[in-house]
Amino acid sequence: HALVLREAVEALEAAGRDDRVKALVIRAGWGA
């Protein structure tokens, strides 16, 4: 389930305008 950078940016942009999305959680610490 690796994130494709461009897709992640597009998803965050769409989610910012989406009233169904109330919040975001970042799970960090792993990966390079």
ModelCIF file with pLDDT and N, C-alpha, C, O atoms, coordinates in Angstrom:
data_MODEL
#
_entry.id   MODEL 
#
_entity.id                         1 
_entity.type                       polymer 
_entity.pdbx_number_of_molecules   1 
#
_entity_poly.entity_id                      1 
_entity_poly.type                           'polypeptide(L)' 
_entity_poly.nstd_linkage                   no 
_entity_poly.nstd_monomer                   no 
_entity_poly.pdbx_seq_one_letter_code       HALVLREAVEALEAAGRDDRVKALVIRAGWGA 
_entity_poly.pdbx_seq_one_letter_code_can   HALVLREAVEALEAAGRDDRVKALVIRAGWGA 
_entity_poly.pdbx_strand_id                 A 
#
loop_
_entity_poly_seq.entity_id 
_entity_poly_seq.num 
_entity_poly_seq.mon_id 
_entity_poly_seq.hetero 
1 1  HIS n 
1 2  ALA n 
1 3  LEU n 
1 4  VAL n 
1 5  LEU n 
1 6  ARG n 
1 7  GLU n 
1 8  ALA n 
1 9  VAL n 
1 10 GLU n 
1 11 ALA n 
1 12 LEU n 
1 13 GLU n 
1 14 ALA n 
1 15 ALA n 
1 16 GLY n 
1 17 ARG n 
1 18 ASP n 
1 19 ASP n 
1 20 ARG n 
1 21 VAL n 
1 22 LYS n 
1 23 ALA n 
1 24 LEU n 
1 25 VAL n 
1 26 ILE n 
1 27 ARG n 
1 28 ALA n 
1 29 GLY n 
1 30 TRP n 
1 31 GLY n 
1 32 ALA n 
#
_struct_asym.id          A 
_struct_asym.entity_id   1 
#
loop_
_ma_qa_metric.id 
_ma_qa_metric.mode 
_ma_qa_metric.name 
_ma_qa_metric.software_group_id 
_ma_qa_metric.type 
1 global pLDDT . pLDDT 
2 local  pLDDT . pLDDT 
#
_ma_qa_metric_global.metric_id      1 
_ma_qa_metric_global.metric_value   91.59 
_ma_qa_metric_global.model_id       1 
_ma_qa_metric_global.ordinal_id     1 
#
loop_
_ma_qa_metric_local.label_asym_id 
_ma_qa_metric_local.label_comp_id 
_ma_qa_metric_local.label_seq_id 
_ma_qa_metric_local.metric_id 
_ma_qa_metric_local.metric_value 
_ma_qa_metric_local.model_id 
_ma_qa_metric_local.ordinal_id 
A HIS 1  2 68.00 1 1  
A ALA 2  2 79.00 1 2  
A LEU 3  2 87.00 1 3  
A VAL 4  2 90.00 1 4  
A LEU 5  2 93.00 1 5  
A ARG 6  2 93.00 1 6  
A GLU 7  2 92.00 1 7  
A ALA 8  2 93.00 1 8  
A VAL 9  2 94.00 1 9  
A GLU 10 2 92.00 1 10 
A ALA 11 2 93.00 1 11 
A LEU 12 2 95.00 1 12 
A GLU 13 2 94.00 1 13 
A ALA 14 2 92.00 1 14 
A ALA 15 2 94.00 1 15 
A GLY 16 2 95.00 1 16 
A ARG 17 2 93.00 1 17 
A ASP 18 2 93.00 1 18 
A ASP 19 2 94.00 1 19 
A ARG 20 2 94.00 1 20 
A VAL 21 2 96.00 1 21 
A LYS 22 2 96.00 1 22 
A ALA 23 2 97.00 1 23 
A LEU 24 2 98.00 1 24 
A VAL 25 2 98.00 1 25 
A ILE 26 2 97.00 1 26 
A ARG 27 2 95.00 1 27 
A ALA 28 2 94.00 1 28 
A GLY 29 2 89.00 1 29 
A TRP 30 2 85.00 1 30 
A GLY 31 2 83.00 1 31 
A ALA 32 2 85.00 1 32 
#
loop_
_atom_site.group_PDB 
_atom_site.id 
_atom_site.type_symbol 
_atom_site.label_atom_id 
_atom_site.label_alt_id 
_atom_site.label_comp_id 
_atom_site.label_asym_id 
_atom_site.label_entity_id 
_atom_site.label_seq_id 
_atom_site.pdbx_PDB_ins_code 
_atom_site.Cartn_x 
_atom_site.Cartn_y 
_atom_site.Cartn_z 
_atom_site.occupancy 
_atom_site.B_iso_or_equiv 
_atom_site.pdbx_formal_charge 
_atom_site.auth_seq_id 
_atom_site.auth_comp_id 
_atom_site.auth_asym_id 
_atom_site.auth_atom_id 
_atom_site.pdbx_PDB_model_num 
ATOM 1   N N  . HIS A 1 1  ? 0.819   -1.198 0.000  1.00 68.00 ? 1  HIS A N  1 
ATOM 2   C CA . HIS A 1 1  ? 0.000   0.000  0.000  1.00 68.00 ? 1  HIS A CA 1 
ATOM 3   C C  . HIS A 1 1  ? 0.862   1.261  0.000  1.00 68.00 ? 1  HIS A C  1 
ATOM 4   O O  . HIS A 1 1  ? 0.498   2.257  0.626  1.00 68.00 ? 1  HIS A O  1 
ATOM 5   N N  . ALA A 1 2  ? 1.972   1.232  -0.676 1.00 79.00 ? 2  ALA A N  1 
ATOM 6   C CA . ALA A 1 2  ? 2.857   2.391  -0.719 1.00 79.00 ? 2  ALA A CA 1 
ATOM 7   C C  . ALA A 1 2  ? 2.131   3.596  -1.301 1.00 79.00 ? 2  ALA A C  1 
ATOM 8   O O  . ALA A 1 2  ? 1.310   3.472  -2.210 1.00 79.00 ? 2  ALA A O  1 
ATOM 9   N N  . LEU A 1 3  ? 2.453   4.767  -0.753 1.00 87.00 ? 3  LEU A N  1 
ATOM 10  C CA . LEU A 1 3  ? 1.882   6.017  -1.237 1.00 87.00 ? 3  LEU A CA 1 
ATOM 11  C C  . LEU A 1 3  ? 2.639   6.483  -2.466 1.00 87.00 ? 3  LEU A C  1 
ATOM 12  O O  . LEU A 1 3  ? 3.868   6.548  -2.448 1.00 87.00 ? 3  LEU A O  1 
ATOM 13  N N  . VAL A 1 4  ? 1.930   6.804  -3.524 1.00 90.00 ? 4  VAL A N  1 
ATOM 14  C CA . VAL A 1 4  ? 2.513   7.498  -4.659 1.00 90.00 ? 4  VAL A CA 1 
ATOM 15  C C  . VAL A 1 4  ? 2.410   8.991  -4.352 1.00 90.00 ? 4  VAL A C  1 
ATOM 16  O O  . VAL A 1 4  ? 1.321   9.495  -4.078 1.00 90.00 ? 4  VAL A O  1 
ATOM 17  N N  . LEU A 1 5  ? 3.521   9.687  -4.397 1.00 93.00 ? 5  LEU A N  1 
ATOM 18  C CA . LEU A 1 5  ? 3.564   11.080 -3.934 1.00 93.00 ? 5  LEU A CA 1 
ATOM 19  C C  . LEU A 1 5  ? 2.489   11.936 -4.603 1.00 93.00 ? 5  LEU A C  1 
ATOM 20  O O  . LEU A 1 5  ? 1.732   12.625 -3.919 1.00 93.00 ? 5  LEU A O  1 
ATOM 21  N N  . ARG A 1 6  ? 2.419   11.898 -5.915 1.00 93.00 ? 6  ARG A N  1 
ATOM 22  C CA . ARG A 1 6  ? 1.459   12.750 -6.619 1.00 93.00 ? 6  ARG A CA 1 
ATOM 23  C C  . ARG A 1 6  ? 0.033   12.407 -6.213 1.00 93.00 ? 6  ARG A C  1 
ATOM 24  O O  . ARG A 1 6  ? -0.790  13.304 -6.028 1.00 93.00 ? 6  ARG A O  1 
ATOM 25  N N  . GLU A 1 7  ? -0.269  11.117 -6.070 1.00 92.00 ? 7  GLU A N  1 
ATOM 26  C CA . GLU A 1 7  ? -1.612  10.715 -5.671 1.00 92.00 ? 7  GLU A CA 1 
ATOM 27  C C  . GLU A 1 7  ? -1.935  11.191 -4.259 1.00 92.00 ? 7  GLU A C  1 
ATOM 28  O O  . GLU A 1 7  ? -3.060  11.608 -3.984 1.00 92.00 ? 7  GLU A O  1 
ATOM 29  N N  . ALA A 1 8  ? -0.948  11.129 -3.363 1.00 93.00 ? 8  ALA A N  1 
ATOM 30  C CA . ALA A 1 8  ? -1.166  11.585 -1.993 1.00 93.00 ? 8  ALA A CA 1 
ATOM 31  C C  . ALA A 1 8  ? -1.475  13.073 -1.951 1.00 93.00 ? 8  ALA A C  1 
ATOM 32  O O  . ALA A 1 8  ? -2.364  13.507 -1.219 1.00 93.00 ? 8  ALA A O  1 
ATOM 33  N N  . VAL A 1 9  ? -0.741  13.851 -2.736 1.00 94.00 ? 9  VAL A N  1 
ATOM 34  C CA . VAL A 1 9  ? -0.983  15.298 -2.788 1.00 94.00 ? 9  VAL A CA 1 
ATOM 35  C C  . VAL A 1 9  ? -2.374  15.587 -3.345 1.00 94.00 ? 9  VAL A C  1 
ATOM 36  O O  . VAL A 1 9  ? -3.084  16.446 -2.823 1.00 94.00 ? 9  VAL A O  1 
ATOM 37  N N  . GLU A 1 10 ? -2.767  14.875 -4.403 1.00 92.00 ? 10 GLU A N  1 
ATOM 38  C CA . GLU A 1 10 ? -4.092  15.067 -4.988 1.00 92.00 ? 10 GLU A CA 1 
ATOM 39  C C  . GLU A 1 10 ? -5.191  14.695 -3.997 1.00 92.00 ? 10 GLU A C  1 
ATOM 40  O O  . GLU A 1 10 ? -6.208  15.383 -3.907 1.00 92.00 ? 10 GLU A O  1 
ATOM 41  N N  . ALA A 1 11 ? -4.986  13.599 -3.247 1.00 93.00 ? 11 ALA A N  1 
ATOM 42  C CA . ALA A 1 11 ? -5.994  13.164 -2.277 1.00 93.00 ? 11 ALA A CA 1 
ATOM 43  C C  . ALA A 1 11 ? -6.153  14.195 -1.161 1.00 93.00 ? 11 ALA A C  1 
ATOM 44  O O  . ALA A 1 11 ? -7.276  14.480 -0.746 1.00 93.00 ? 11 ALA A O  1 
ATOM 45  N N  . LEU A 1 12 ? -5.056  14.752 -0.674 1.00 95.00 ? 12 LEU A N  1 
ATOM 46  C CA . LEU A 1 12 ? -5.135  15.755 0.380  1.00 95.00 ? 12 LEU A CA 1 
ATOM 47  C C  . LEU A 1 12 ? -5.821  17.025 -0.121 1.00 95.00 ? 12 LEU A C  1 
ATOM 48  O O  . LEU A 1 12 ? -6.575  17.665 0.612  1.00 95.00 ? 12 LEU A O  1 
ATOM 49  N N  . GLU A 1 13 ? -5.555  17.377 -1.365 1.00 94.00 ? 13 GLU A N  1 
ATOM 50  C CA . GLU A 1 13 ? -6.197  18.553 -1.948 1.00 94.00 ? 13 GLU A CA 1 
ATOM 51  C C  . GLU A 1 13 ? -7.709  18.345 -2.036 1.00 94.00 ? 13 GLU A C  1 
ATOM 52  O O  . GLU A 1 13 ? -8.478  19.237 -1.677 1.00 94.00 ? 13 GLU A O  1 
ATOM 53  N N  . ALA A 1 14 ? -8.143  17.167 -2.513 1.00 92.00 ? 14 ALA A N  1 
ATOM 54  C CA . ALA A 1 14 ? -9.570  16.877 -2.615 1.00 92.00 ? 14 ALA A CA 1 
ATOM 55  C C  . ALA A 1 14 ? -10.211 16.796 -1.234 1.00 92.00 ? 14 ALA A C  1 
ATOM 56  O O  . ALA A 1 14 ? -11.326 17.278 -1.034 1.00 92.00 ? 14 ALA A O  1 
ATOM 57  N N  . ALA A 1 15 ? -9.510  16.189 -0.283 1.00 94.00 ? 15 ALA A N  1 
ATOM 58  C CA . ALA A 1 15 ? -10.065 16.025 1.066  1.00 94.00 ? 15 ALA A CA 1 
ATOM 59  C C  . ALA A 1 15 ? -10.270 17.360 1.765  1.00 94.00 ? 15 ALA A C  1 
ATOM 60  O O  . ALA A 1 15 ? -11.190 17.505 2.571  1.00 94.00 ? 15 ALA A O  1 
ATOM 61  N N  . GLY A 1 16 ? -9.424  18.331 1.464  1.00 95.00 ? 16 GLY A N  1 
ATOM 62  C CA . GLY A 1 16 ? -9.589  19.644 2.074  1.00 95.00 ? 16 GLY A CA 1 
ATOM 63  C C  . GLY A 1 16 ? -10.911 20.288 1.704  1.00 95.00 ? 16 GLY A C  1 
ATOM 64  O O  . GLY A 1 16 ? -11.456 21.081 2.471  1.00 95.00 ? 16 GLY A O  1 
ATOM 65  N N  . ARG A 1 17 ? -11.440 19.943 0.509  1.00 93.00 ? 17 ARG A N  1 
ATOM 66  C CA . ARG A 1 17 ? -12.704 20.514 0.049  1.00 93.00 ? 17 ARG A CA 1 
ATOM 67  C C  . ARG A 1 17 ? -13.900 19.618 0.356  1.00 93.00 ? 17 ARG A C  1 
ATOM 68  O O  . ARG A 1 17 ? -15.046 20.013 0.142  1.00 93.00 ? 17 ARG A O  1 
ATOM 69  N N  . ASP A 1 18 ? -13.637 18.423 0.852  1.00 93.00 ? 18 ASP A N  1 
ATOM 70  C CA . ASP A 1 18 ? -14.684 17.420 1.065  1.00 93.00 ? 18 ASP A CA 1 
ATOM 71  C C  . ASP A 1 18 ? -15.253 17.554 2.478  1.00 93.00 ? 18 ASP A C  1 
ATOM 72  O O  . ASP A 1 18 ? -14.532 17.357 3.456  1.00 93.00 ? 18 ASP A O  1 
ATOM 73  N N  . ASP A 1 19 ? -16.542 17.887 2.590  1.00 94.00 ? 19 ASP A N  1 
ATOM 74  C CA . ASP A 1 19 ? -17.167 18.079 3.911  1.00 94.00 ? 19 ASP A CA 1 
ATOM 75  C C  . ASP A 1 19 ? -17.244 16.788 4.712  1.00 94.00 ? 19 ASP A C  1 
ATOM 76  O O  . ASP A 1 19 ? -17.382 16.829 5.934  1.00 94.00 ? 19 ASP A O  1 
ATOM 77  N N  . ARG A 1 20 ? -17.157 15.636 4.040  1.00 94.00 ? 20 ARG A N  1 
ATOM 78  C CA . ARG A 1 20 ? -17.195 14.365 4.767  1.00 94.00 ? 20 ARG A CA 1 
ATOM 79  C C  . ARG A 1 20 ? -15.911 14.110 5.538  1.00 94.00 ? 20 ARG A C  1 
ATOM 80  O O  . ARG A 1 20 ? -15.916 13.375 6.525  1.00 94.00 ? 20 ARG A O  1 
ATOM 81  N N  . VAL A 1 21 ? -14.827 14.702 5.103  1.00 96.00 ? 21 VAL A N  1 
ATOM 82  C CA . VAL A 1 21 ? -13.536 14.505 5.765  1.00 96.00 ? 21 VAL A CA 1 
ATOM 83  C C  . VAL A 1 21 ? -13.402 15.535 6.886  1.00 96.00 ? 21 VAL A C  1 
ATOM 84  O O  . VAL A 1 21 ? -13.371 16.739 6.632  1.00 96.00 ? 21 VAL A O  1 
ATOM 85  N N  . LYS A 1 22 ? -13.322 15.057 8.114  1.00 96.00 ? 22 LYS A N  1 
ATOM 86  C CA . LYS A 1 22 ? -13.317 15.936 9.274  1.00 96.00 ? 22 LYS A CA 1 
ATOM 87  C C  . LYS A 1 22 ? -11.926 16.222 9.806  1.00 96.00 ? 22 LYS A C  1 
ATOM 88  O O  . LYS A 1 22 ? -11.702 17.254 10.439 1.00 96.00 ? 22 LYS A O  1 
ATOM 89  N N  . ALA A 1 23 ? -10.984 15.311 9.555  1.00 97.00 ? 23 ALA A N  1 
ATOM 90  C CA . ALA A 1 23 ? -9.657  15.473 10.160 1.00 97.00 ? 23 ALA A CA 1 
ATOM 91  C C  . ALA A 1 23 ? -8.653  14.582 9.435  1.00 97.00 ? 23 ALA A C  1 
ATOM 92  O O  . ALA A 1 23 ? -9.012  13.760 8.591  1.00 97.00 ? 23 ALA A O  1 
ATOM 93  N N  . LEU A 1 24 ? -7.399  14.770 9.787  1.00 98.00 ? 24 LEU A N  1 
ATOM 94  C CA . LEU A 1 24 ? -6.295  13.981 9.217  1.00 98.00 ? 24 LEU A CA 1 
ATOM 95  C C  . LEU A 1 24 ? -5.381  13.526 10.341 1.00 98.00 ? 24 LEU A C  1 
ATOM 96  O O  . LEU A 1 24 ? -5.068  14.288 11.255 1.00 98.00 ? 24 LEU A O  1 
ATOM 97  N N  . VAL A 1 25 ? -4.956  12.260 10.256 1.00 98.00 ? 25 VAL A N  1 
ATOM 98  C CA . VAL A 1 25 ? -3.949  11.727 11.186 1.00 98.00 ? 25 VAL A CA 1 
ATOM 99  C C  . VAL A 1 25 ? -2.729  11.323 10.375 1.00 98.00 ? 25 VAL A C  1 
ATOM 100 O O  . VAL A 1 25 ? -2.847  10.587 9.395  1.00 98.00 ? 25 VAL A O  1 
ATOM 101 N N  . ILE A 1 26 ? -1.560  11.799 10.777 1.00 97.00 ? 26 ILE A N  1 
ATOM 102 C CA . ILE A 1 26 ? -0.295  11.403 10.156 1.00 97.00 ? 26 ILE A CA 1 
ATOM 103 C C  . ILE A 1 26 ? 0.356   10.365 11.042 1.00 97.00 ? 26 ILE A C  1 
ATOM 104 O O  . ILE A 1 26 ? 0.570   10.606 12.230 1.00 97.00 ? 26 ILE A O  1 
ATOM 105 N N  . ARG A 1 27 ? 0.670   9.229  10.484 1.00 95.00 ? 27 ARG A N  1 
ATOM 106 C CA . ARG A 1 27 ? 1.417   8.218  11.235 1.00 95.00 ? 27 ARG A CA 1 
ATOM 107 C C  . ARG A 1 27 ? 2.829   8.188  10.674 1.00 95.00 ? 27 ARG A C  1 
ATOM 108 O O  . ARG A 1 27 ? 3.064   7.683  9.576  1.00 95.00 ? 27 ARG A O  1 
ATOM 109 N N  . ALA A 1 28 ? 3.748   8.725  11.425 1.00 94.00 ? 28 ALA A N  1 
ATOM 110 C CA . ALA A 1 28 ? 5.122   8.908  10.960 1.00 94.00 ? 28 ALA A CA 1 
ATOM 111 C C  . ALA A 1 28 ? 6.078   8.009  11.741 1.00 94.00 ? 28 ALA A C  1 
ATOM 112 O O  . ALA A 1 28 ? 5.658   7.182  12.552 1.00 94.00 ? 28 ALA A O  1 
ATOM 113 N N  . GLY A 1 29 ? 7.374   8.192  11.477 1.00 89.00 ? 29 GLY A N  1 
ATOM 114 C CA . GLY A 1 29 ? 8.395   7.463  12.227 1.00 89.00 ? 29 GLY A CA 1 
ATOM 115 C C  . GLY A 1 29 ? 9.028   6.319  11.469 1.00 89.00 ? 29 GLY A C  1 
ATOM 116 O O  . GLY A 1 29 ? 10.148  5.922  11.789 1.00 89.00 ? 29 GLY A O  1 
ATOM 117 N N  . TRP A 1 30 ? 8.341   5.770  10.462 1.00 85.00 ? 30 TRP A N  1 
ATOM 118 C CA . TRP A 1 30 ? 8.868   4.649  9.692  1.00 85.00 ? 30 TRP A CA 1 
ATOM 119 C C  . TRP A 1 30 ? 9.054   5.067  8.250  1.00 85.00 ? 30 TRP A C  1 
ATOM 120 O O  . TRP A 1 30 ? 8.466   6.048  7.794  1.00 85.00 ? 30 TRP A O  1 
ATOM 121 N N  . GLY A 1 31 ? 9.879   4.315  7.532  1.00 83.00 ? 31 GLY A N  1 
ATOM 122 C CA . GLY A 1 31 ? 10.078  4.587  6.115  1.00 83.00 ? 31 GLY A CA 1 
ATOM 123 C C  . GLY A 1 31 ? 11.237  5.532  5.884  1.00 83.00 ? 31 GLY A C  1 
ATOM 124 O O  . GLY A 1 31 ? 11.809  6.081  6.826  1.00 83.00 ? 31 GLY A O  1 
ATOM 125 N N  . ALA A 1 32 ? 11.578  5.717  4.605  1.00 85.00 ? 32 ALA A N  1 
ATOM 126 C CA . ALA A 1 32 ? 12.755  6.514  4.246  1.00 85.00 ? 32 ALA A CA 1 
ATOM 127 C C  . ALA A 1 32 ? 12.424  7.485  3.124  1.00 85.00 ? 32 ALA A C  1 
ATOM 128 O O  . ALA A 1 32 ? 13.291  8.241  2.687  1.00 85.00 ? 32 ALA A O  1 
#
